[in-house]
C-alpha atoms as a PDB file:
ATOM      1  CA  MET A   1      95.131  48.034-111.181  1.00  0.00           C
ATOM      2  CA  VAL A   2      97.291  47.184-108.362  1.00  0.00           C
ATOM      3  CA  CYS A   3     100.036  49.828-107.257  1.00  0.00           C
ATOM      4  CA  ALA A   4     103.352  48.729-106.833  1.00  0.00           C
ATOM      5  CA  HIS A   5     104.154  51.549-104.463  1.00  0.00           C
ATOM      6  CA  PRO A   6     101.388  51.918-101.740  1.00  0.00           C
ATOM      7  CA  SER A   7     101.340  55.205-100.610  1.00  0.00           C
ATOM      8  CA  GLY A   8     100.443  54.773 -96.865  1.00  0.00           C
ATOM      9  CA  PRO A   9     101.093  51.879 -94.229  1.00  0.00           C
ATOM     10  CA  SER A  10     101.229  48.494 -94.999  1.00  0.00           C
ATOM     11  CA  ARG A  11      98.613  46.353 -93.136  1.00  0.00           C
ATOM     12  CA  ARG A  12     101.509  44.435 -91.022  1.00  0.00           C
ATOM     13  CA  GLN A  13     102.705  48.365 -89.772  1.00  0.00           C
ATOM     14  CA  VAL A  14      99.597  49.474 -88.402  1.00  0.00           C
ATOM     15  CA  LEU A  15      98.976  46.203 -86.549  1.00  0.00           C
ATOM     16  CA  THR A  16     102.892  46.435 -85.056  1.00  0.00           C
ATOM     17  CA  TRP A  17     101.780  50.037 -83.740  1.00  0.00           C
ATOM     18  CA  ALA A  18      98.195  48.972 -82.553  1.00  0.00           C
ATOM     19  CA  GLY A  19      99.719  46.031 -80.601  1.00  0.00           C
ATOM     20  CA  ALA A  20     102.474  48.450 -79.459  1.00  0.00           C
ATOM     21  CA  GLY A  21      99.922  50.839 -78.515  1.00  0.00           C
ATOM     22  CA  ALA A  22      97.740  48.531 -76.575  1.00  0.00           C
ATOM     23  CA  ALA A  23     100.602  47.005 -74.463  1.00  0.00           C
ATOM     24  CA  ALA A  24     101.605  50.478 -73.844  1.00  0.00           C
ATOM     25  CA  LEU A  25      98.349  51.402 -72.377  1.00  0.00           C
ATOM     26  CA  THR A  26      98.058  48.387 -70.394  1.00  0.00           C
ATOM     27  CA  LEU A  27     101.722  48.539 -68.771  1.00  0.00           C
ATOM     28  CA  ALA A  28     100.525  51.856 -67.905  1.00  0.00           C
ATOM     29  CA  ALA A  29      97.168  50.978 -65.719  1.00  0.00           C
ATOM     30  CA  CYS A  30      99.132  48.351 -64.219  1.00  0.00           C
ATOM     31  CA  SER A  31     101.920  50.382 -62.827  1.00  0.00           C
ATOM     32  CA  GLY A  32      99.584  52.590 -60.544  1.00  0.00           C
ATOM     33  CA  GLU A  33     100.400  55.875 -59.341  1.00  0.00           C
ATOM     34  CA  GLU A  34     103.537  57.397 -57.962  1.00  0.00           C
ATOM     35  CA  ASP A  35     103.329  57.212 -53.908  1.00  0.00           C
ATOM     36  CA  ALA A  36     102.212  60.602 -52.876  1.00  0.00           C
ATOM     37  CA  PRO A  37     104.305  61.973 -49.708  1.00  0.00           C
ATOM     38  CA  PRO A  38     102.459  61.540 -46.693  1.00  0.00           C
ATOM     39  CA  PRO A  39     100.170  64.253 -45.426  1.00  0.00           C
ATOM     40  CA  GLU A  40     101.320  67.154 -43.365  1.00  0.00           C
ATOM     41  CA  PRO A  41     100.698  66.814 -39.879  1.00  0.00           C
ATOM     42  CA  GLY A  42      97.446  69.224 -38.862  1.00  0.00           C
ATOM     43  CA  GLU A  43      96.134  68.811 -42.563  1.00  0.00           C
ATOM     44  CA  ARG A  44      92.154  68.900 -42.450  1.00  0.00           C
ATOM     45  CA  LEU A  45      90.620  65.606 -44.318  1.00  0.00           C
ATOM     46  CA  VAL A  46      87.161  65.732 -44.009  1.00  0.00           C
ATOM     47  CA  SER A  47      84.520  67.065 -41.902  1.00  0.00           C
ATOM     48  CA  LEU A  48      83.265  64.491 -39.171  1.00  0.00           C
ATOM     49  CA  ASP A  49      79.834  64.982 -40.307  1.00  0.00           C
ATOM     50  CA  GLU A  50      80.479  64.029 -43.795  1.00  0.00           C
ATOM     51  CA  VAL A  51      81.426  60.660 -42.642  1.00  0.00           C
ATOM     52  CA  PRO A  52      78.237  58.808 -41.394  1.00  0.00           C
ATOM     53  CA  VAL A  53      79.274  55.941 -38.345  1.00  0.00           C
ATOM     54  CA  GLY A  54      79.793  52.710 -40.006  1.00  0.00           C
ATOM     55  CA  GLU A  55      80.668  54.469 -43.371  1.00  0.00           C
ATOM     56  CA  SER A  56      83.695  55.454 -45.366  1.00  0.00           C
ATOM     57  CA  VAL A  57      84.858  58.270 -47.544  1.00  0.00           C
ATOM     58  CA  SER A  58      87.622  59.135 -50.026  1.00  0.00           C
ATOM     59  CA  VAL A  59      89.487  61.833 -49.795  1.00  0.00           C
ATOM     60  CA  ARG A  60      92.834  63.370 -51.460  1.00  0.00           C
ATOM     61  CA  THR A  61      95.345  65.465 -49.256  1.00  0.00           C
ATOM     62  CA  SER A  62      96.714  68.375 -50.321  1.00  0.00           C
ATOM     63  CA  GLU A  63      99.936  66.560 -51.694  1.00  0.00           C
ATOM     64  CA  GLY A  64      97.631  63.848 -53.979  1.00  0.00           C
ATOM     65  CA  ALA A  65      97.605  60.832 -51.924  1.00  0.00           C
ATOM     66  CA  GLU A  66      94.499  59.048 -51.802  1.00  0.00           C
ATOM     67  CA  VAL A  67      92.923  58.118 -48.447  1.00  0.00           C
ATOM     68  CA  VAL A  68      89.821  56.170 -47.067  1.00  0.00           C
ATOM     69  CA  VAL A  69      88.348  57.420 -43.960  1.00  0.00           C
ATOM     70  CA  THR A  70      85.893  55.437 -42.112  1.00  0.00           C
ATOM     71  CA  ARG A  71      84.032  56.385 -39.162  1.00  0.00           C
ATOM     72  CA  VAL A  72      83.950  53.531 -36.524  1.00  0.00           C
ATOM     73  CA  SER A  73      81.935  55.482 -33.578  1.00  0.00           C
ATOM     74  CA  GLU A  74      80.661  58.561 -32.647  1.00  0.00           C
ATOM     75  CA  GLU A  75      84.129  59.773 -32.102  1.00  0.00           C
ATOM     76  CA  GLU A  76      86.377  57.218 -33.620  1.00  0.00           C
ATOM     77  CA  VAL A  77      87.706  57.083 -37.065  1.00  0.00           C
ATOM     78  CA  VAL A  78      90.240  55.082 -38.835  1.00  0.00           C
ATOM     79  CA  ALA A  79      92.129  56.449 -42.032  1.00  0.00           C
ATOM     80  CA  LEU A  80      94.222  53.747 -44.554  1.00  0.00           C
ATOM     81  CA  SER A  81      95.903  54.639 -47.730  1.00  0.00           C
ATOM     82  CA  ALA A  82      93.195  53.978 -50.743  1.00  0.00           C
ATOM     83  CA  VAL A  83      96.214  52.524 -52.758  1.00  0.00           C
ATOM     84  CA  CYS A  84      96.562  49.137 -53.088  1.00  0.00           C
ATOM     85  CA  THR A  85      99.610  47.304 -51.762  1.00  0.00           C
ATOM     86  CA  HIS A  86      99.557  44.843 -55.225  1.00  0.00           C
ATOM     87  CA  GLN A  87     100.103  47.260 -57.951  1.00  0.00           C
ATOM     88  CA  GLY A  88      98.824  50.536 -56.764  1.00  0.00           C
ATOM     89  CA  CYS A  89      95.369  50.874 -58.153  1.00  0.00           C
ATOM     90  CA  THR A  90      92.618  52.740 -55.878  1.00  0.00           C
ATOM     91  CA  VAL A  91      90.395  50.675 -53.631  1.00  0.00           C
ATOM     92  CA  VAL A  92      86.875  51.331 -52.898  1.00  0.00           C
ATOM     93  CA  ARG A  93      84.471  50.320 -50.225  1.00  0.00           C
ATOM     94  CA  GLU A  94      82.137  47.712 -50.981  1.00  0.00           C
ATOM     95  CA  ALA A  95      80.152  46.185 -48.262  1.00  0.00           C
ATOM     96  CA  GLU A  96      82.429  45.448 -45.034  1.00  0.00           C
ATOM     97  CA  ASP A  97      85.815  45.682 -46.871  1.00  0.00           C
ATOM     98  CA  LEU A  98      87.477  47.389 -49.023  1.00  0.00           C
ATOM     99  CA  SER A  99      88.569  46.182 -52.516  1.00  0.00           C
ATOM    100  CA  CYS A 100      90.647  46.504 -55.629  1.00  0.00           C
ATOM    101  CA  PRO A 101      89.101  46.436 -58.820  1.00  0.00           C
ATOM    102  CA  CYS A 102      91.755  45.792 -60.372  1.00  0.00           C
ATOM    103  CA  HIS A 103      92.868  42.407 -59.207  1.00  0.00           C
ATOM    104  CA  GLY A 104      90.260  41.598 -56.592  1.00  0.00           C
ATOM    105  CA  SER A 105      92.270  42.067 -53.232  1.00  0.00           C
ATOM    106  CA  ARG A 106      90.272  42.805 -50.191  1.00  0.00           C
ATOM    107  CA  PHE A 107      91.290  44.546 -47.406  1.00  0.00           C
ATOM    108  CA  ALA A 108      89.505  44.962 -43.640  1.00  0.00           C
ATOM    109  CA  VAL A 109      88.064  48.639 -43.222  1.00  0.00           C
ATOM    110  CA  ALA A 110      89.373  48.287 -39.638  1.00  0.00           C
ATOM    111  CA  ASP A 111      93.048  47.915 -39.681  1.00  0.00           C
ATOM    112  CA  GLY A 112      93.988  47.661 -43.767  1.00  0.00           C
ATOM    113  CA  ALA A 113      94.529  43.921 -42.836  1.00  0.00           C
ATOM    114  CA  VAL A 114      94.454  41.226 -46.300  1.00  0.00           C
ATOM    115  CA  LEU A 115      91.461  39.532 -46.338  1.00  0.00           C
ATOM    116  CA  GLN A 116      92.103  38.356 -49.767  1.00  0.00           C
ATOM    117  CA  GLY A 117      94.676  38.348 -52.311  1.00  0.00           C
ATOM    118  CA  PRO A 118      96.939  38.694 -54.812  1.00  0.00           C
ATOM    119  CA  ALA A 119      97.964  41.657 -52.125  1.00  0.00           C
ATOM    120  CA  GLU A 120     100.496  40.445 -49.462  1.00  0.00           C
ATOM    121  CA  GLU A 121     100.804  43.388 -47.545  1.00  0.00           C
ATOM    122  CA  PRO A 122      98.110  45.638 -45.677  1.00  0.00           C
ATOM    123  CA  LEU A 123      96.804  49.002 -46.570  1.00  0.00           C
ATOM    124  CA  PRO A 124      99.313  51.795 -44.559  1.00  0.00           C
ATOM    125  CA  ARG A 125      97.724  53.404 -41.955  1.00  0.00           C
ATOM    126  CA  VAL A 126      97.421  57.464 -42.341  1.00  0.00           C
ATOM    127  CA  GLU A 127      97.384  58.788 -38.494  1.00  0.00           C
ATOM    128  CA  VAL A 128      94.641  61.226 -37.866  1.00  0.00           C
ATOM    129  CA  ARG A 129      92.787  62.540 -35.057  1.00  0.00           C
ATOM    130  CA  VAL A 130      89.394  64.067 -34.507  1.00  0.00           C
ATOM    131  CA  GLU A 131      89.669  67.984 -33.872  1.00  0.00           C
ATOM    132  CA  SER A 132      87.218  70.579 -33.755  1.00  0.00           C
ATOM    133  CA  GLY A 133      84.871  68.351 -35.694  1.00  0.00           C
ATOM    134  CA  ALA A 134      86.970  67.480 -38.489  1.00  0.00           C
ATOM    135  CA  VAL A 135      89.234  64.777 -39.302  1.00  0.00           C
ATOM    136  CA  VAL A 136      93.216  65.903 -38.961  1.00  0.00           C
ATOM    137  CA  THR A 137      96.243  64.445 -39.658  1.00  0.00           C
ATOM    138  CA  VAL A 138      98.751  63.399 -37.062  1.00  0.00           C
END
């Protein structure tokens, strides 16, 4: 026997809701994080001993900004924003580059220059110095 007045949502309603939910999640994932304020001067990001020469580590500032710190030599470090300039995903170190897992942009570790798009802008540099065995913001 077929009921003339079904008690639950129709198949069309369920599919509409599922589609709207999927679209919302997709847009949220592509929107990236909101820009965190720059780190306060003098903030300790990481101990120099925690970053081997030629390697990178990802850190988060007290204000929530994601930063990639690369140790270029015994005493020289470079710090770059870890937020891809294309759509705000977090970049990761892969081989000799920083790579965006969302859309494939690649950036130079030494200066954040774009090596491969779709990003068109370099990763912003975070000014740092080595002080008392630690990497601190300027």
